[in-house]
Amino acid sequence: MSENVKVVVRCRPLNRKENESKCENIVEINEYAISVLNPSARNSQKKMFTFDSVYDMISKTEVIYNEMCYSLVESTLDGYNGTIFAYGQTGCGKTHTMQGDGSAKDGYNCGIIPRCFEHIFETISMATNIRYLALKCQAWE
């Protein structure tokens, strides 16, 4: 297995307060890049940022999980280390992406973390010729 770091961006939609204030979206998104318009200098060139993958305002967490996280959890179950790290400015949507909105009982709007746990425990429950062990940590006592 090769080791690498992927930088993935998920842009959230405008929130209720931003919509009520008639804020406008100044971000354009394609599969691998984000272009940002300077609203104070509309005639200036947009700044472009390129990433390994970019998800727009209507992207579903399930799609992000399947494309970006599923294989990482699979390799973790095979004994490799893996990390999913959420980073960004306050209010940019990290908690929504990682935890979900907590309102859906069918899992439709659940985040990356609950999906990881579901994936891990489902794999463990179906395993027949393999045994998974959890190390006891003093912090758990």
Protein backbone atom coordinates (compact mmCIF):
# COMPACT_ATOMS: atom_id res chain seq x y z
CA MET A 1 0.00 0.00 0.00
CA SER A 2 1.33 3.42 -0.91
CA GLU A 3 1.26 6.21 1.62
CA ASN A 4 -0.15 9.54 0.57
CA VAL A 5 -2.11 12.54 1.72
CA LYS A 6 -5.20 13.68 -0.12
CA VAL A 7 -6.63 17.14 0.33
CA VAL A 8 -10.38 17.17 -0.19
CA VAL A 9 -12.60 20.23 0.07
CA ARG A 10 -16.32 20.32 0.70
CA CYS A 11 -18.01 23.70 0.30
CA ARG A 12 -21.12 24.24 2.34
CA PRO A 13 -24.18 26.09 1.08
CA LEU A 14 -25.10 29.51 2.40
CA ASN A 15 -26.76 29.22 5.80
CA ARG A 16 -30.06 30.77 6.85
CA LYS A 17 -28.45 33.94 8.21
CA GLU A 18 -26.41 34.43 5.04
CA ASN A 19 -29.49 33.93 2.86
CA GLU A 20 -31.53 36.39 4.96
CA SER A 21 -28.72 38.94 4.64
CA LYS A 22 -28.82 38.44 0.86
CA CYS A 23 -25.20 37.26 0.75
CA GLU A 24 -24.03 35.94 -2.58
CA ASN A 25 -21.94 32.93 -3.46
CA ILE A 26 -18.49 34.00 -4.70
CA VAL A 27 -17.17 30.46 -5.16
CA GLU A 28 -17.17 28.40 -8.35
CA ILE A 29 -16.48 24.70 -8.02
CA ASN A 30 -15.40 22.01 -10.41
CA GLU A 31 -14.14 18.49 -9.76
CA TYR A 32 -10.62 19.49 -8.68
CA ALA A 33 -10.59 23.27 -8.26
CA ILE A 34 -12.27 26.17 -6.52
CA SER A 35 -12.29 29.68 -7.98
CA VAL A 36 -12.98 32.60 -5.65
CA LEU A 37 -14.17 36.01 -6.84
CA ASN A 38 -13.16 39.14 -4.93
CA PRO A 39 -16.55 40.86 -4.45
CA SER A 40 -14.81 44.22 -3.92
CA ALA A 41 -12.98 43.95 -7.25
CA ARG A 42 -15.33 42.12 -9.59
CA ASN A 43 -13.19 42.83 -12.66
CA SER A 44 -10.09 41.27 -11.12
CA GLN A 45 -9.05 37.74 -11.94
CA LYS A 46 -10.51 34.98 -9.79
CA LYS A 47 -8.14 33.14 -7.49
CA MET A 48 -8.00 29.43 -8.24
CA PHE A 49 -7.09 26.66 -5.81
CA THR A 50 -6.56 23.05 -6.89
CA PHE A 51 -7.13 20.00 -4.68
CA ASP A 52 -7.27 16.22 -5.00
CA SER A 53 -11.06 16.42 -4.98
CA VAL A 54 -13.70 19.11 -4.46
CA TYR A 55 -17.35 18.69 -3.46
CA ASP A 56 -19.93 21.39 -4.00
CA MET A 57 -22.73 22.75 -1.84
CA ILE A 58 -25.20 20.00 -2.73
CA SER A 59 -22.82 17.05 -2.31
CA LYS A 60 -24.04 14.32 0.01
CA THR A 61 -21.83 12.99 2.79
CA GLU A 62 -22.57 9.45 1.59
CA VAL A 63 -20.89 10.21 -1.75
CA ILE A 64 -17.88 11.77 -0.03
CA TYR A 65 -17.58 8.76 2.27
CA ASN A 66 -17.80 6.26 -0.57
CA GLU A 67 -15.28 8.09 -2.73
CA MET A 68 -12.79 9.28 -0.11
CA CYS A 69 -13.15 7.31 3.12
CA TYR A 70 -14.38 3.79 2.31
CA SER A 71 -11.02 2.52 1.04
CA LEU A 72 -9.20 4.12 3.97
CA VAL A 73 -11.43 2.29 6.47
CA GLU A 74 -10.96 -0.95 4.50
CA SER A 75 -7.17 -0.62 4.69
CA THR A 76 -7.42 0.18 8.40
CA LEU A 77 -9.34 -3.06 8.88
CA ASP A 78 -6.45 -4.77 7.07
CA GLY A 79 -4.07 -3.41 9.72
CA TYR A 80 -2.79 -0.19 8.18
CA ASN A 81 -2.92 3.21 9.88
CA GLY A 82 -5.32 5.77 8.49
CA THR A 83 -6.42 9.27 9.41
CA ILE A 84 -9.30 11.47 8.33
CA PHE A 85 -8.57 15.00 9.46
CA ALA A 86 -11.09 17.86 9.28
CA TYR A 87 -9.61 21.33 9.15
CA GLY A 88 -11.05 24.72 8.37
CA GLN A 89 -12.35 28.06 9.55
CA THR A 90 -15.09 28.23 12.17
CA GLY A 91 -18.47 27.84 10.50
CA CYS A 92 -17.20 26.21 7.31
CA GLY A 93 -19.01 22.89 7.88
CA LYS A 94 -16.50 20.55 9.57
CA THR A 95 -18.93 19.32 12.22
CA HIS A 96 -21.71 18.81 9.70
CA THR A 97 -19.40 16.77 7.48
CA MET A 98 -17.83 14.73 10.26
CA GLN A 99 -20.83 14.22 12.61
CA GLY A 100 -23.83 14.90 10.39
CA ASP A 101 -26.90 16.84 11.35
CA GLY A 102 -28.23 14.28 13.82
CA SER A 103 -31.81 14.62 12.60
CA ALA A 104 -32.12 11.63 10.31
CA LYS A 105 -32.81 8.26 11.85
CA ASP A 106 -32.31 6.47 8.52
CA GLY A 107 -28.69 7.61 8.29
CA TYR A 108 -29.29 9.80 5.23
CA ASN A 109 -27.67 12.85 6.81
CA CYS A 110 -25.18 11.13 9.09
CA GLY A 111 -21.56 12.22 8.93
CA ILE A 112 -18.22 10.61 8.17
CA ILE A 113 -17.61 9.41 11.76
CA PRO A 114 -20.89 7.46 12.16
CA ARG A 115 -20.39 5.98 8.69
CA CYS A 116 -16.87 4.83 9.66
CA PHE A 117 -18.19 3.14 12.80
CA GLU A 118 -21.02 1.48 10.89
CA HIS A 119 -18.54 0.22 8.29
CA ILE A 120 -16.14 -1.12 10.95
CA PHE A 121 -18.78 -2.87 13.05
CA GLU A 122 -20.55 -4.32 10.01
CA THR A 123 -17.24 -5.75 8.76
CA ILE A 124 -16.46 -7.21 12.19
CA SER A 125 -19.92 -8.78 12.49
CA MET A 126 -19.53 -10.49 9.10
CA ALA A 127 -15.96 -11.71 9.66
CA THR A 128 -15.62 -15.48 10.03
CA ASN A 129 -11.92 -16.33 9.75
CA ILE A 130 -10.49 -13.22 11.34
CA ARG A 131 -10.46 -11.88 14.87
CA TYR A 132 -10.33 -8.18 15.69
CA LEU A 133 -8.94 -7.05 19.04
CA ALA A 134 -9.38 -3.77 20.85
CA LEU A 135 -6.65 -2.58 23.16
CA LYS A 136 -7.81 -1.37 26.53
CA CYS A 137 -6.74 2.18 27.28
CA GLN A 138 -6.42 3.59 30.79
CA ALA A 139 -8.44 6.58 29.67
CA TRP A 140 -11.41 4.23 29.12
CA GLU A 141 -11.46 3.12 32.75
